[in-house]
Protein backbone atom coordinates (compact mmCIF):
# COMPACT_ATOMS: atom_id res chain seq x y z
CA MET A 1 -27.48 -2.16 17.25
CA HIS A 2 -24.80 -0.22 18.48
CA ILE A 3 -24.75 -0.55 22.55
CA HIS A 4 -23.44 2.87 23.91
CA SER A 5 -22.93 2.18 27.36
CA THR A 6 -20.95 -0.57 28.85
CA PRO A 7 -22.87 -2.40 31.50
CA GLU A 8 -22.21 -2.70 35.01
CA TRP A 9 -21.42 -6.55 35.57
CA MET A 10 -18.43 -6.07 32.88
CA HIS A 11 -17.07 -3.16 35.15
CA ARG A 12 -17.41 -5.73 38.20
CA TRP A 13 -16.12 -8.49 36.22
CA PHE A 14 -13.16 -6.65 34.91
CA SER A 15 -12.28 -4.87 38.02
CA GLY A 16 -8.62 -4.28 37.36
CA PHE A 17 -9.35 -1.90 34.19
CA THR A 18 -10.76 2.02 34.89
CA TRP A 19 -14.12 1.98 33.43
CA ARG A 20 -15.82 5.53 35.20
CA LYS A 21 -14.28 7.71 37.36
CA PRO A 22 -17.10 7.81 40.33
CA THR A 23 -17.75 10.95 41.10
CA ASP A 24 -20.95 13.48 42.26
CA GLN A 25 -19.21 16.29 40.14
CA LYS A 26 -20.17 17.61 37.05
CA VAL A 27 -17.23 16.10 35.29
CA LEU A 28 -16.46 14.23 32.32
CA TYR A 29 -13.77 12.36 30.82
CA ILE A 30 -13.89 12.92 27.02
CA THR A 31 -11.22 10.50 25.18
CA PHE A 32 -10.01 9.96 21.43
CA ASP A 33 -8.28 6.80 20.09
CA ASP A 34 -6.26 6.42 16.77
CA GLY A 35 -4.29 9.67 16.14
CA PRO A 36 -2.67 11.58 15.76
CA ILE A 37 -4.03 11.94 12.25
CA ALA A 38 -5.25 15.53 10.47
CA ILE A 39 -8.91 15.36 11.89
CA THR A 40 -7.15 15.66 15.46
CA GLU A 41 -6.11 19.39 14.35
CA TRP A 42 -9.96 19.86 14.47
CA ILE A 43 -10.50 18.65 17.40
CA LEU A 44 -7.90 20.48 19.50
CA ASP A 45 -9.80 23.43 17.65
CA VAL A 46 -13.10 22.01 18.91
CA LEU A 47 -11.97 21.58 22.23
CA ARG A 48 -10.05 24.69 22.91
CA ASP A 49 -13.65 26.69 21.71
CA TYR A 50 -14.94 25.33 25.01
CA ASN A 51 -11.90 25.02 27.49
CA ALA A 52 -11.98 21.54 27.16
CA LYS A 53 -8.89 19.26 27.97
CA ALA A 54 -9.21 15.83 27.48
CA THR A 55 -7.17 12.26 27.02
CA PHE A 56 -5.18 11.18 23.52
CA PHE A 57 -4.82 7.53 23.55
CA CYS A 58 -2.18 7.40 20.38
CA VAL A 59 -1.32 4.91 18.30
CA GLY A 60 2.76 5.40 17.74
CA GLU A 61 2.85 4.62 14.48
CA ASN A 62 0.10 7.46 13.40
CA VAL A 63 2.80 9.64 16.51
CA MET A 64 5.66 9.17 14.04
CA ARG A 65 4.17 10.30 10.93
CA ASN A 66 1.77 13.65 12.75
CA PRO A 67 5.07 14.70 15.16
CA GLN A 68 3.63 18.21 14.98
CA ILE A 69 0.36 17.31 15.58
CA PHE A 70 1.28 15.37 18.54
CA ARG A 71 3.10 18.42 20.09
CA ARG A 72 0.34 20.26 19.55
CA THR A 73 -1.70 18.27 21.77
CA LEU A 74 0.66 18.12 24.66
CA ALA A 75 1.44 21.50 24.69
CA GLU A 76 -2.14 22.55 24.55
CA GLY A 77 -2.35 20.70 28.00
CA HIS A 78 -4.10 17.36 26.81
CA ALA A 79 -3.19 14.04 28.58
CA VAL A 80 -1.74 10.92 26.01
CA GLY A 81 -2.05 7.47 26.55
CA ASN A 82 -0.27 4.60 24.92
CA HIS A 83 -2.31 2.78 22.12
CA THR A 84 0.04 0.39 20.84
CA TYR A 85 2.57 1.09 18.12
CA ASN A 86 0.21 -0.30 15.01
CA HIS A 87 -3.10 -0.75 16.95
CA LEU A 88 -3.06 -4.43 17.56
CA SER A 89 -5.42 -6.43 18.80
CA GLY A 90 -4.53 -7.78 22.35
CA TRP A 91 -6.59 -11.45 21.69
CA THR A 92 -4.43 -12.57 18.05
CA ASN A 93 -0.45 -11.71 19.03
CA SER A 94 1.62 -13.11 21.08
CA PHE A 95 2.42 -11.86 24.30
CA ASP A 96 6.15 -10.88 23.39
CA ARG A 97 4.67 -8.94 20.10
CA TYR A 98 2.40 -7.42 22.13
CA MET A 99 4.64 -5.95 24.80
CA ALA A 100 7.48 -4.83 22.46
CA ASN A 101 4.87 -3.00 20.62
CA ALA A 102 3.79 -1.14 22.91
CA ALA A 103 6.68 -0.62 24.46
CA LEU A 104 7.81 1.00 20.95
CA CYS A 105 4.80 3.12 21.16
CA LEU A 106 5.76 4.48 24.19
CA SER A 107 9.50 5.54 23.34
CA GLU A 108 7.99 7.08 20.34
CA MET A 109 5.86 9.56 22.34
CA GLU A 110 8.69 9.89 24.98
CA LYS A 111 10.54 11.61 22.01
CA HIS A 112 8.53 14.65 21.96
CA GLY A 113 8.39 14.92 26.00
CA ALA A 114 5.37 13.02 26.76
CA VAL A 115 5.18 11.24 29.90
CA CYS A 116 2.49 8.22 29.42
CA ARG A 117 1.13 6.36 32.27
CA LEU A 118 -2.50 5.44 30.37
CA PHE A 119 -2.79 2.49 28.36
CA ARG A 120 -5.98 1.37 26.33
CA PRO A 121 -6.08 -1.65 24.27
CA PRO A 122 -7.13 -1.46 20.66
CA TYR A 123 -10.70 -2.57 20.50
CA GLY A 124 -10.87 -2.81 24.08
CA ARG A 125 -9.30 -6.51 23.27
CA ILE A 126 -6.95 -8.20 25.74
CA THR A 127 -5.55 -11.23 27.76
CA SER A 128 -5.35 -11.33 31.55
CA GLN A 129 -2.01 -12.38 31.20
CA LYS A 130 -0.84 -8.77 28.49
CA ALA A 131 -3.17 -6.39 31.59
CA ALA A 132 -1.27 -7.84 34.57
CA ALA A 133 1.99 -6.95 33.00
CA LEU A 134 0.88 -3.79 31.35
CA ARG A 135 -0.61 -2.63 35.00
CA GLN A 136 2.88 -2.64 36.45
CA ASN A 137 3.61 0.67 34.44
CA TYR A 138 0.13 2.32 33.31
CA GLU A 139 -3.03 2.48 34.51
CA LEU A 140 -5.55 0.82 31.95
CA ILE A 141 -8.25 2.78 30.80
CA MET A 142 -11.49 1.55 29.12
CA TRP A 143 -14.75 3.58 29.02
CA ASP A 144 -18.40 3.64 30.02
CA VAL A 145 -19.77 5.26 27.00
CA LEU A 146 -18.80 4.15 23.69
CA THR A 147 -19.68 7.01 20.75
CA CYS A 148 -19.62 4.80 18.09
CA ASP A 149 -18.74 7.16 15.31
CA TYR A 150 -16.37 4.89 13.84
CA SER A 151 -19.27 2.92 12.78
CA PRO A 152 -20.70 3.79 8.96
CA SER A 153 -24.48 2.44 10.17
CA ILE A 154 -24.84 4.98 12.62
CA ARG A 155 -26.09 8.65 11.73
CA PRO A 156 -24.70 11.31 12.90
CA GLU A 157 -28.11 12.37 14.54
CA ASP A 158 -28.21 9.09 16.58
CA CYS A 159 -24.30 9.14 17.25
CA LEU A 160 -25.20 12.60 19.26
CA GLN A 161 -28.24 11.35 21.22
CA ASN A 162 -27.28 7.58 22.18
CA SER A 163 -23.69 9.17 23.80
CA ILE A 164 -26.20 11.66 25.95
CA GLY A 165 -28.35 9.20 27.01
CA ALA A 166 -25.64 7.08 28.29
CA THR A 167 -23.60 9.90 29.77
CA GLN A 168 -23.40 9.87 33.82
CA ASN A 169 -21.12 12.15 35.99
CA GLY A 170 -17.98 10.52 35.89
CA SER A 171 -17.87 8.93 32.61
CA ILE A 172 -15.50 8.23 30.30
CA ILE A 173 -16.44 8.90 26.87
CA VAL A 174 -14.85 7.08 23.55
CA PHE A 175 -14.20 9.34 19.77
CA HIS A 176 -11.86 8.18 17.46
CA ASP A 177 -9.34 10.60 15.65
CA ASN A 178 -9.55 8.39 12.53
CA GLN A 179 -11.08 8.11 8.87
CA ARG A 180 -13.87 5.88 9.30
CA ALA A 181 -14.88 8.32 12.32
CA ASP A 182 -15.00 11.65 10.40
CA ALA A 183 -18.65 12.56 9.56
CA ASN A 184 -19.81 11.43 12.53
CA ILE A 185 -17.61 13.50 14.91
CA ARG A 186 -17.99 16.67 12.91
CA TYR A 187 -21.19 16.26 13.95
CA ALA A 188 -21.31 14.81 17.29
CA LEU A 189 -17.95 15.97 19.58
CA PRO A 190 -19.50 19.89 18.90
CA ARG A 191 -22.72 19.60 19.51
CA TYR A 192 -22.23 16.96 22.83
CA LEU A 193 -19.86 19.62 24.59
CA ALA A 194 -22.28 21.73 23.69
CA HIS A 195 -24.82 19.90 25.70
CA PHE A 196 -23.02 19.01 29.14
CA ALA A 197 -21.05 22.79 29.07
CA ASP A 198 -24.67 24.04 29.31
CA LEU A 199 -25.28 21.52 31.72
CA GLY A 200 -22.41 23.18 33.84
CA PHE A 201 -20.03 20.05 33.43
CA ALA A 202 -16.38 20.53 33.23
CA PHE A 203 -14.46 18.18 30.79
CA LYS A 204 -11.02 17.03 32.43
CA ALA A 205 -8.54 14.89 30.88
CA LEU A 206 -7.71 11.69 32.78
C-alpha cells in the first residue's frame, strides 16, 4: 500500500516542520529529493516547458559529482535545500555525525554561490534534538504529497493519479531525482504538471 497524503494529525504532532503552505490560491510547491544526477537535467527541461519553479533538496555528494547540473538549477531560478552530504538517516546516526554531514552539504553548495535556508531530512527521519538544532538556521520542509515514484511496486499510472488525488492548494509535493524513480517520474511529472497547469495552478519554489 502506498500512502500519498500525510495525515493531518502528523502535521499537528510535528508542528515545527513545514508540511504545506496554507493558501486559497492555486499554487503548488513541487520538490525533488536526492540529486543532482543526470536525470535532473531532464527534470529541468520539463519544468522549463511549464514555466515551473521548484525546490531541489540536494545531496552534497551529488553536488560535488555534478556541479554543472547544480549550477544550472540555480541559474534557472529554482530553490535548493540541504539533504545532508551522504543522505543520512536522522534516526541511526549520532547527533555530531549528522550535524557535521549537514554542514558539509551546505559548504559544498555554497562553493557554487547557493543560498540555502531549507532542510529536508532524508527519509523524513530525524530526532527532536537534531531538528531543534537545525531549526536555528533552516526551515525544516516535509511534504503533504508523496508521489512514491521511487517504489518499484507502483505503476507509473498509479503514481500519477494517486498524487493528483492527494494534491490541494499549497501542497508540497515530493518527486525524486534518483535512479529508482526514473521510470515513474518520466511518466508522472510532465502529466502532473500538465494537469494542474490546465486547472490554472502556478508552480513556485519554496
